[in-house]
N, C-alpha and C. Protein backbone atom coordinates (compact mmCIF):
# COMPACT_ATOMS: atom_id res chain seq x y z
N MET A 1 9.07 1.89 -1.02
CA MET A 1 8.02 3.07 -0.76
C MET A 1 8.47 3.68 -1.97
N SER A 2 9.51 3.86 -3.19
CA SER A 2 9.91 4.37 -4.14
C SER A 2 9.25 3.88 -5.37
N THR A 3 8.94 2.44 -5.48
CA THR A 3 8.02 1.79 -6.41
C THR A 3 6.67 1.99 -5.86
N LEU A 4 6.10 2.05 -5.06
CA LEU A 4 4.45 2.39 -4.35
C LEU A 4 4.57 3.97 -4.75
N SER A 5 5.14 5.13 -4.77
CA SER A 5 4.95 6.39 -4.69
C SER A 5 4.73 6.78 -6.19
N GLY A 6 4.82 5.67 -7.03
CA GLY A 6 4.87 6.34 -8.55
C GLY A 6 3.51 5.91 -8.72
N LEU A 7 2.61 5.13 -8.18
CA LEU A 7 1.64 4.40 -8.97
C LEU A 7 0.12 5.41 -8.55
N ASN A 8 -0.54 4.78 -9.47
CA ASN A 8 -1.96 5.84 -9.52
C ASN A 8 -2.97 4.83 -9.96
N GLY A 9 -4.06 5.12 -9.68
CA GLY A 9 -5.41 3.78 -9.70
C GLY A 9 -5.37 3.06 -8.68
N LEU A 10 -6.01 1.92 -8.81
CA LEU A 10 -6.20 0.98 -7.75
C LEU A 10 -4.65 -0.27 -8.01
N VAL A 11 -4.08 -0.24 -6.87
CA VAL A 11 -2.90 -1.19 -6.75
C VAL A 11 -3.54 -2.06 -5.70
N VAL A 12 -3.23 -3.64 -6.19
CA VAL A 12 -3.60 -4.49 -5.40
C VAL A 12 -2.44 -5.30 -4.79
N ILE A 13 -2.37 -5.53 -3.80
CA ILE A 13 -1.18 -6.33 -3.20
C ILE A 13 -1.74 -7.44 -2.40
N ASP A 14 -0.88 -8.40 -3.00
CA ASP A 14 -1.83 -9.89 -2.42
C ASP A 14 -0.52 -10.34 -1.39
N GLU A 15 -1.22 -11.36 -0.47
CA GLU A 15 -0.25 -12.15 0.31
C GLU A 15 0.58 -10.79 1.19
N ILE A 16 0.12 -9.63 1.66
CA ILE A 16 0.32 -8.80 2.77
C ILE A 16 0.94 -9.31 3.93
N GLN A 17 0.81 -10.43 4.50
CA GLN A 17 1.25 -11.23 5.85
C GLN A 17 2.69 -11.25 5.90
N HIS A 18 3.30 -11.21 4.19
CA HIS A 18 4.51 -11.83 4.40
C HIS A 18 5.19 -10.18 4.41
N LEU A 19 4.78 -8.86 4.45
CA LEU A 19 5.20 -8.00 4.52
C LEU A 19 4.94 -7.41 5.98
N PRO A 20 4.84 -7.63 7.12
CA PRO A 20 3.80 -6.52 7.95
C PRO A 20 4.06 -5.02 8.14
N GLU A 21 5.38 -4.70 7.84
CA GLU A 21 5.47 -3.14 7.91
C GLU A 21 4.87 -2.50 7.23
N LEU A 22 4.24 -3.11 5.93
CA LEU A 22 3.76 -2.56 4.46
C LEU A 22 2.62 -1.69 4.58
N PRO A 23 1.85 -1.93 5.61
CA PRO A 23 0.79 -1.01 6.05
C PRO A 23 0.62 0.19 6.69
N GLU A 24 2.16 -0.04 7.26
CA GLU A 24 2.54 1.74 8.02
C GLU A 24 3.26 2.41 7.00
N SER A 25 4.02 1.61 6.12
CA SER A 25 4.64 2.50 5.22
C SER A 25 3.52 2.87 3.67
N LEU A 26 2.61 2.22 3.58
CA LEU A 26 1.54 2.86 3.11
C LEU A 26 0.94 3.89 3.46
N ARG A 27 0.48 4.22 4.85
CA ARG A 27 0.15 5.04 5.45
C ARG A 27 1.03 6.23 5.39
N VAL A 28 2.59 6.06 5.27
CA VAL A 28 3.30 7.55 5.34
C VAL A 28 2.86 7.96 4.45
N LEU A 29 3.10 7.07 3.31
CA LEU A 29 3.20 7.50 1.48
C LEU A 29 2.00 8.30 1.35
N MET A 30 0.65 7.95 1.92
CA MET A 30 -0.56 8.51 1.36
C MET A 30 -0.51 9.72 2.24
N ASP A 31 -0.01 10.19 3.34
CA ASP A 31 -0.15 11.12 4.01
C ASP A 31 0.94 12.48 3.67
N ARG A 32 1.51 11.98 2.63
CA ARG A 32 2.35 13.23 1.92
C ARG A 32 1.62 14.00 1.53
N PRO A 33 2.32 15.32 1.83
CA PRO A 33 1.61 16.74 1.17
C PRO A 33 1.55 16.53 -0.45
N GLU A 34 2.70 15.82 -1.11
CA GLU A 34 2.59 16.04 -2.34
C GLU A 34 1.50 14.96 -2.89
N ARG A 35 0.98 14.21 -2.25
CA ARG A 35 0.27 12.95 -2.84
C ARG A 35 -1.48 13.46 -2.98
N MET A 36 -1.64 14.84 -2.09
CA MET A 36 -2.99 15.41 -1.73
C MET A 36 -3.53 15.88 -3.27
N GLY A 37 -4.73 15.25 -3.00
CA GLY A 37 -5.27 15.69 -4.48
C GLY A 37 -5.23 14.37 -5.90
N GLN A 38 -4.52 13.52 -5.54
CA GLN A 38 -4.04 12.68 -6.42
C GLN A 38 -5.05 11.50 -5.96
N ASN A 39 -5.81 10.76 -7.36
CA ASN A 39 -6.30 9.38 -7.04
C ASN A 39 -5.67 8.36 -6.86
N GLY A 40 -6.16 7.37 -6.04
CA GLY A 40 -5.21 6.25 -5.81
C GLY A 40 -6.04 5.26 -4.71
N GLN A 41 -5.78 4.20 -4.74
CA GLN A 41 -6.31 3.27 -3.49
C GLN A 41 -5.14 2.11 -3.77
N PHE A 42 -5.39 1.55 -2.19
CA PHE A 42 -4.61 0.09 -2.21
C PHE A 42 -5.48 -0.77 -1.87
N LEU A 43 -5.52 -2.05 -2.56
CA LEU A 43 -6.08 -3.00 -2.00
C LEU A 43 -5.49 -4.09 -1.49
N LEU A 44 -5.54 -4.38 -0.08
CA LEU A 44 -4.29 -5.36 0.32
C LEU A 44 -5.25 -6.75 0.86
N LEU A 45 -4.53 -7.52 0.26
CA LEU A 45 -5.04 -9.08 0.24
C LEU A 45 -4.07 -9.77 0.86
N GLY A 46 -4.66 -10.68 1.93
CA GLY A 46 -3.55 -11.70 2.63
C GLY A 46 -4.40 -12.73 3.38
N SER A 47 -4.07 -13.89 4.04
CA SER A 47 -4.14 -14.77 4.50
C SER A 47 -4.49 -14.97 6.03
N ALA A 48 -5.05 -15.48 6.86
CA ALA A 48 -4.69 -15.28 8.50
C ALA A 48 -4.12 -16.53 8.64
N ALA A 49 -4.40 -17.62 7.64
CA ALA A 49 -3.53 -18.85 7.90
C ALA A 49 -2.31 -19.10 7.92
N GLN A 50 -1.57 -19.78 8.71
CA GLN A 50 -0.16 -19.85 8.69
C GLN A 50 0.18 -21.15 8.10
N GLY A 51 1.08 -21.35 7.06
CA GLY A 51 1.12 -22.91 6.93
C GLY A 51 2.71 -23.01 6.35
């Protein structure tokens, strides 16, 4: 979360299926009062296929 907290703009995260806890961490990060009013978006990409 410390790595993601300082990022602004569009942040693309690929292969999210390898980090199943990440969406909840992002939700907590984006709901923090100090982030209110800041621009930023997360684009989460992954694969449903197991290989």
